Amino acid sequence: MSEFTEANLPKLIERGVPPKLAEEAVNILDAQNEGILPVPLEGEELNIVQSAWQWMTAQDLRSQPKD
């Protein structure tokens, strides 16, 4: 497991992203960081990363106190 994955995978899971989706998204971003995948992401890879981001931000919104 790369240092990037070790640092980020637990954070996504803690923030409510389902583990399999979090793992896929972090692996994609890691591959992008290593120059294996293009910048910007396209197609299925982009959809996976966006889905993980949406899960994470939705969980953040749910955990905010309501006025």
C-alpha atoms as a PDB file:
ATOM      1  CA  MET A   1       0.000   0.000   0.000  1.00  0.00           C
ATOM      2  CA  SER A   2       1.394   3.397  -0.930  1.00  0.00           C
ATOM      3  CA  GLU A   3       1.983   6.187   1.550  1.00  0.00           C
ATOM      4  CA  PHE A   4      -0.781   8.197  -0.166  1.00  0.00           C
ATOM      5  CA  THR A   5      -3.254   5.337   0.242  1.00  0.00           C
ATOM      6  CA  GLU A   6      -2.252   4.711   3.850  1.00  0.00           C
ATOM      7  CA  ALA A   7      -2.805   8.367   4.691  1.00  0.00           C
ATOM      8  CA  ASN A   8      -6.060   8.937   2.834  1.00  0.00           C
ATOM      9  CA  LEU A   9      -8.062   5.695   2.830  1.00  0.00           C
ATOM     10  CA  PRO A  10      -8.839   5.720   6.566  1.00  0.00           C
ATOM     11  CA  LYS A  11      -9.837   9.396   6.377  1.00  0.00           C
ATOM     12  CA  LEU A  12     -12.420   8.770   3.657  1.00  0.00           C
ATOM     13  CA  ILE A  13     -13.874   5.820   5.537  1.00  0.00           C
ATOM     14  CA  GLU A  14     -14.027   7.883   8.754  1.00  0.00           C
ATOM     15  CA  ARG A  15     -15.931  10.548   6.853  1.00  0.00           C
ATOM     16  CA  GLY A  16     -18.612   8.091   5.744  1.00  0.00           C
ATOM     17  CA  VAL A  17     -17.483   6.850   2.342  1.00  0.00           C
ATOM     18  CA  PRO A  18     -18.259   3.127   1.905  1.00  0.00           C
ATOM     19  CA  PRO A  19     -14.969   1.202   2.202  1.00  0.00           C
ATOM     20  CA  LYS A  20     -14.964  -0.308  -1.311  1.00  0.00           C
ATOM     21  CA  LEU A  21     -15.743   3.052  -2.927  1.00  0.00           C
ATOM     22  CA  ALA A  22     -13.122   4.778  -0.760  1.00  0.00           C
ATOM     23  CA  GLU A  23     -10.501   2.209  -1.745  1.00  0.00           C
ATOM     24  CA  GLU A  24     -11.287   2.555  -5.457  1.00  0.00           C
ATOM     25  CA  ALA A  25     -11.200   6.365  -5.298  1.00  0.00           C
ATOM     26  CA  VAL A  26      -7.915   6.485  -3.377  1.00  0.00           C
ATOM     27  CA  ASN A  27      -6.322   3.953  -5.740  1.00  0.00           C
ATOM     28  CA  ILE A  28      -7.389   6.076  -8.722  1.00  0.00           C
ATOM     29  CA  LEU A  29      -6.014   9.268  -7.174  1.00  0.00           C
ATOM     30  CA  ASP A  30      -2.797   7.455  -6.256  1.00  0.00           C
ATOM     31  CA  ALA A  31      -2.389   6.235  -9.839  1.00  0.00           C
ATOM     32  CA  GLN A  32      -3.043   9.776 -11.063  1.00  0.00           C
ATOM     33  CA  ASN A  33      -0.400  11.131  -8.686  1.00  0.00           C
ATOM     34  CA  GLU A  34       2.077   8.571 -10.056  1.00  0.00           C
ATOM     35  CA  GLY A  35       1.345   9.674 -13.636  1.00  0.00           C
ATOM     36  CA  ILE A  36      -0.408   6.427 -14.593  1.00  0.00           C
ATOM     37  CA  LEU A  37      -3.797   8.099 -15.131  1.00  0.00           C
ATOM     38  CA  PRO A  38      -4.406  11.401 -16.925  1.00  0.00           C
ATOM     39  CA  VAL A  39      -5.052  14.803 -15.399  1.00  0.00           C
ATOM     40  CA  PRO A  40      -7.920  15.583 -15.406  1.00  0.00           C
ATOM     41  CA  LEU A  41      -9.574  12.230 -14.815  1.00  0.00           C
ATOM     42  CA  GLU A  42     -12.115  11.015 -17.339  1.00  0.00           C
ATOM     43  CA  GLY A  43     -14.883   8.459 -17.650  1.00  0.00           C
ATOM     44  CA  GLU A  44     -15.356   5.793 -14.998  1.00  0.00           C
ATOM     45  CA  GLU A  45     -12.378   6.935 -12.936  1.00  0.00           C
ATOM     46  CA  LEU A  46     -13.841  10.440 -12.691  1.00  0.00           C
ATOM     47  CA  ASN A  47     -17.256   9.033 -11.742  1.00  0.00           C
ATOM     48  CA  ILE A  48     -15.769   6.936  -8.928  1.00  0.00           C
ATOM     49  CA  VAL A  49     -13.810   9.845  -7.441  1.00  0.00           C
ATOM     50  CA  GLN A  50     -16.827  12.160  -7.714  1.00  0.00           C
ATOM     51  CA  SER A  51     -19.049   9.572  -6.018  1.00  0.00           C
ATOM     52  CA  ALA A  52     -16.633   9.263  -3.111  1.00  0.00           C
ATOM     53  CA  TRP A  53     -16.502  13.055  -2.798  1.00  0.00           C
ATOM     54  CA  GLN A  54     -20.310  13.263  -2.797  1.00  0.00           C
ATOM     55  CA  TRP A  55     -20.569  10.604  -0.073  1.00  0.00           C
ATOM     56  CA  MET A  56     -18.006  12.408   2.019  1.00  0.00           C
ATOM     57  CA  THR A  57     -19.607  15.839   1.699  1.00  0.00           C
ATOM     58  CA  ALA A  58     -23.105  14.449   2.300  1.00  0.00           C
ATOM     59  CA  GLN A  59     -21.915  12.862   5.543  1.00  0.00           C
ATOM     60  CA  ASP A  60     -20.257  16.136   6.535  1.00  0.00           C
ATOM     61  CA  LEU A  61     -23.519  18.000   5.976  1.00  0.00           C
ATOM     62  CA  ARG A  62     -25.469  15.473   8.050  1.00  0.00           C
ATOM     63  CA  SER A  63     -23.060  15.825  10.943  1.00  0.00           C
ATOM     64  CA  GLN A  64     -23.340  19.631  11.091  1.00  0.00           C
ATOM     65  CA  PRO A  65     -25.580  21.003  13.836  1.00  0.00           C
ATOM     66  CA  LYS A  66     -28.974  22.195  12.685  1.00  0.00           C
ATOM     67  CA  ASP A  67     -30.075  25.721  13.531  1.00  0.00           C
END
